[in-house]
Amino acid sequence: MLRDYLLCLAMILLQVAYAVMNIISKLAMESGMKPLILLAYSQIFSVTVITAVAFFKERW
């Protein structure tokens, strides 16, 4: 049953992640963070998450 809704759940989670990133970006920019620093932080976070997912996916 859950397998039938897995793609729909993944799309919803992705949209929630985009919304959270938008809110965090807006709050950071309004508080005075430079756009290049925000970009660097988001890239570092993305690389960390993707590396962790790849590591655990290959491990199991």
N, C-alpha and C. Protein backbone atom coordinates (compact mmCIF):
# COMPACT_ATOMS: atom_id res chain seq x y z
N MET A 1 0.82 -1.19 0.00
CA MET A 1 0.00 0.00 0.00
C MET A 1 0.86 1.26 0.00
N LEU A 2 1.86 1.27 0.86
CA LEU A 2 2.74 2.44 0.93
C LEU A 2 3.53 2.60 -0.36
N ARG A 3 3.85 1.50 -0.99
CA ARG A 3 4.64 1.57 -2.23
C ARG A 3 3.87 2.28 -3.34
N ASP A 4 2.55 2.18 -3.32
CA ASP A 4 1.72 2.85 -4.32
C ASP A 4 1.80 4.37 -4.20
N TYR A 5 1.98 4.84 -2.97
CA TYR A 5 1.98 6.27 -2.72
C TYR A 5 3.38 6.85 -2.54
N LEU A 6 4.40 6.07 -2.80
CA LEU A 6 5.77 6.49 -2.54
C LEU A 6 6.18 7.68 -3.41
N LEU A 7 5.83 7.67 -4.69
CA LEU A 7 6.19 8.79 -5.57
C LEU A 7 5.46 10.06 -5.17
N CYS A 8 4.20 9.93 -4.82
CA CYS A 8 3.43 11.09 -4.38
C CYS A 8 4.00 11.66 -3.08
N LEU A 9 4.37 10.80 -2.17
CA LEU A 9 4.98 11.23 -0.92
C LEU A 9 6.33 11.91 -1.16
N ALA A 10 7.11 11.38 -2.09
CA ALA A 10 8.40 11.99 -2.43
C ALA A 10 8.21 13.39 -3.02
N MET A 11 7.21 13.57 -3.87
CA MET A 11 6.94 14.89 -4.45
C MET A 11 6.49 15.88 -3.39
N ILE A 12 5.67 15.42 -2.46
CA ILE A 12 5.22 16.31 -1.39
C ILE A 12 6.39 16.71 -0.50
N LEU A 13 7.24 15.77 -0.15
CA LEU A 13 8.41 16.08 0.67
C LEU A 13 9.36 17.03 -0.04
N LEU A 14 9.51 16.88 -1.34
CA LEU A 14 10.36 17.78 -2.10
C LEU A 14 9.80 19.19 -2.11
N GLN A 15 8.50 19.33 -2.27
CA GLN A 15 7.87 20.65 -2.24
C GLN A 15 8.00 21.30 -0.86
N VAL A 16 7.88 20.50 0.19
CA VAL A 16 8.06 21.02 1.55
C VAL A 16 9.51 21.49 1.74
N ALA A 17 10.46 20.73 1.22
CA ALA A 17 11.87 21.11 1.33
C ALA A 17 12.13 22.42 0.59
N TYR A 18 11.54 22.59 -0.59
CA TYR A 18 11.69 23.85 -1.33
C TYR A 18 11.09 25.02 -0.56
N ALA A 19 9.94 24.79 0.05
CA ALA A 19 9.29 25.85 0.82
C ALA A 19 10.13 26.25 2.03
N VAL A 20 10.67 25.26 2.72
CA VAL A 20 11.51 25.55 3.89
C VAL A 20 12.77 26.31 3.46
N MET A 21 13.37 25.89 2.35
CA MET A 21 14.57 26.58 1.87
C MET A 21 14.24 28.02 1.47
N ASN A 22 13.09 28.24 0.87
CA ASN A 22 12.66 29.59 0.51
C ASN A 22 12.49 30.46 1.75
N ILE A 23 11.85 29.93 2.77
CA ILE A 23 11.63 30.69 4.00
C ILE A 23 12.95 31.01 4.69
N ILE A 24 13.83 30.02 4.78
CA ILE A 24 15.13 30.24 5.42
C ILE A 24 15.94 31.26 4.63
N SER A 25 15.92 31.16 3.32
CA SER A 25 16.66 32.12 2.49
C SER A 25 16.13 33.53 2.67
N LYS A 26 14.83 33.68 2.69
CA LYS A 26 14.23 35.00 2.87
C LYS A 26 14.60 35.59 4.23
N LEU A 27 14.51 34.79 5.28
CA LEU A 27 14.86 35.27 6.61
C LEU A 27 16.35 35.63 6.70
N ALA A 28 17.20 34.84 6.08
CA ALA A 28 18.63 35.12 6.12
C ALA A 28 18.96 36.40 5.35
N MET A 29 18.33 36.59 4.20
CA MET A 29 18.60 37.80 3.41
C MET A 29 18.09 39.05 4.12
N GLU A 30 16.93 38.94 4.78
CA GLU A 30 16.39 40.09 5.49
C GLU A 30 17.22 40.45 6.71
N SER A 31 17.93 39.47 7.28
CA SER A 31 18.75 39.76 8.45
C SER A 31 20.13 40.28 8.07
N GLY A 32 20.42 40.35 6.77
CA GLY A 32 21.66 40.97 6.33
C GLY A 32 22.71 40.02 5.80
N MET A 33 22.39 38.77 5.58
CA MET A 33 23.38 37.83 5.05
C MET A 33 23.63 38.13 3.57
N LYS A 34 24.87 38.05 3.17
CA LYS A 34 25.21 38.28 1.76
C LYS A 34 24.76 37.09 0.92
N PRO A 35 24.30 37.36 -0.30
CA PRO A 35 23.80 36.26 -1.15
C PRO A 35 24.85 35.19 -1.47
N LEU A 36 26.09 35.58 -1.65
CA LEU A 36 27.12 34.58 -1.96
C LEU A 36 27.40 33.66 -0.77
N ILE A 37 27.32 34.21 0.43
CA ILE A 37 27.50 33.37 1.62
C ILE A 37 26.35 32.39 1.75
N LEU A 38 25.13 32.86 1.51
CA LEU A 38 23.96 31.98 1.55
C LEU A 38 24.08 30.88 0.50
N LEU A 39 24.54 31.22 -0.67
CA LEU A 39 24.73 30.24 -1.72
C LEU A 39 25.78 29.21 -1.32
N ALA A 40 26.87 29.66 -0.72
CA ALA A 40 27.92 28.74 -0.29
C ALA A 40 27.40 27.79 0.79
N TYR A 41 26.65 28.31 1.76
CA TYR A 41 26.09 27.46 2.81
C TYR A 41 25.12 26.44 2.24
N SER A 42 24.29 26.84 1.30
CA SER A 42 23.33 25.90 0.74
C SER A 42 24.03 24.81 -0.07
N GLN A 43 25.10 25.17 -0.77
CA GLN A 43 25.85 24.17 -1.53
C GLN A 43 26.57 23.19 -0.59
N ILE A 44 27.13 23.70 0.49
CA ILE A 44 27.80 22.82 1.46
C ILE A 44 26.79 21.87 2.09
N PHE A 45 25.62 22.38 2.44
CA PHE A 45 24.58 21.52 3.01
C PHE A 45 24.14 20.45 2.00
N SER A 46 23.97 20.85 0.75
CA SER A 46 23.54 19.91 -0.29
C SER A 46 24.56 18.80 -0.50
N VAL A 47 25.82 19.18 -0.56
CA VAL A 47 26.88 18.17 -0.76
C VAL A 47 26.92 17.21 0.42
N THR A 48 26.75 17.73 1.62
CA THR A 48 26.76 16.87 2.81
C THR A 48 25.60 15.87 2.78
N VAL A 49 24.42 16.33 2.43
CA VAL A 49 23.26 15.44 2.39
C VAL A 49 23.41 14.39 1.29
N ILE A 50 23.83 14.82 0.11
CA ILE A 50 23.97 13.88 -1.01
C ILE A 50 25.06 12.85 -0.72
N THR A 51 26.15 13.29 -0.10
CA THR A 51 27.22 12.36 0.25
C THR A 51 26.74 11.33 1.27
N ALA A 52 25.99 11.77 2.26
CA ALA A 52 25.47 10.84 3.26
C ALA A 52 24.50 9.84 2.64
N VAL A 53 23.62 10.31 1.77
CA VAL A 53 22.67 9.41 1.11
C VAL A 53 23.41 8.40 0.24
N ALA A 54 24.39 8.86 -0.52
CA ALA A 54 25.15 7.95 -1.38
C ALA A 54 25.93 6.93 -0.56
N PHE A 55 26.52 7.38 0.54
CA PHE A 55 27.29 6.48 1.39
C PHE A 55 26.41 5.37 1.94
N PHE A 56 25.26 5.74 2.50
CA PHE A 56 24.40 4.72 3.10
C PHE A 56 23.71 3.85 2.05
N LYS A 57 23.45 4.40 0.89
CA LYS A 57 22.83 3.61 -0.18
C LYS A 57 23.81 2.55 -0.70
N GLU A 58 25.07 2.90 -0.84
CA GLU A 58 26.07 1.94 -1.31
C GLU A 58 26.43 0.93 -0.24
N ARG A 59 26.28 1.34 1.01
CA ARG A 59 26.65 0.45 2.10
C ARG A 59 25.65 -0.70 2.24
N TRP A 60 24.35 -0.39 2.03
CA TRP A 60 23.33 -1.42 2.17
C TRP A 60 22.89 -1.81 0.83
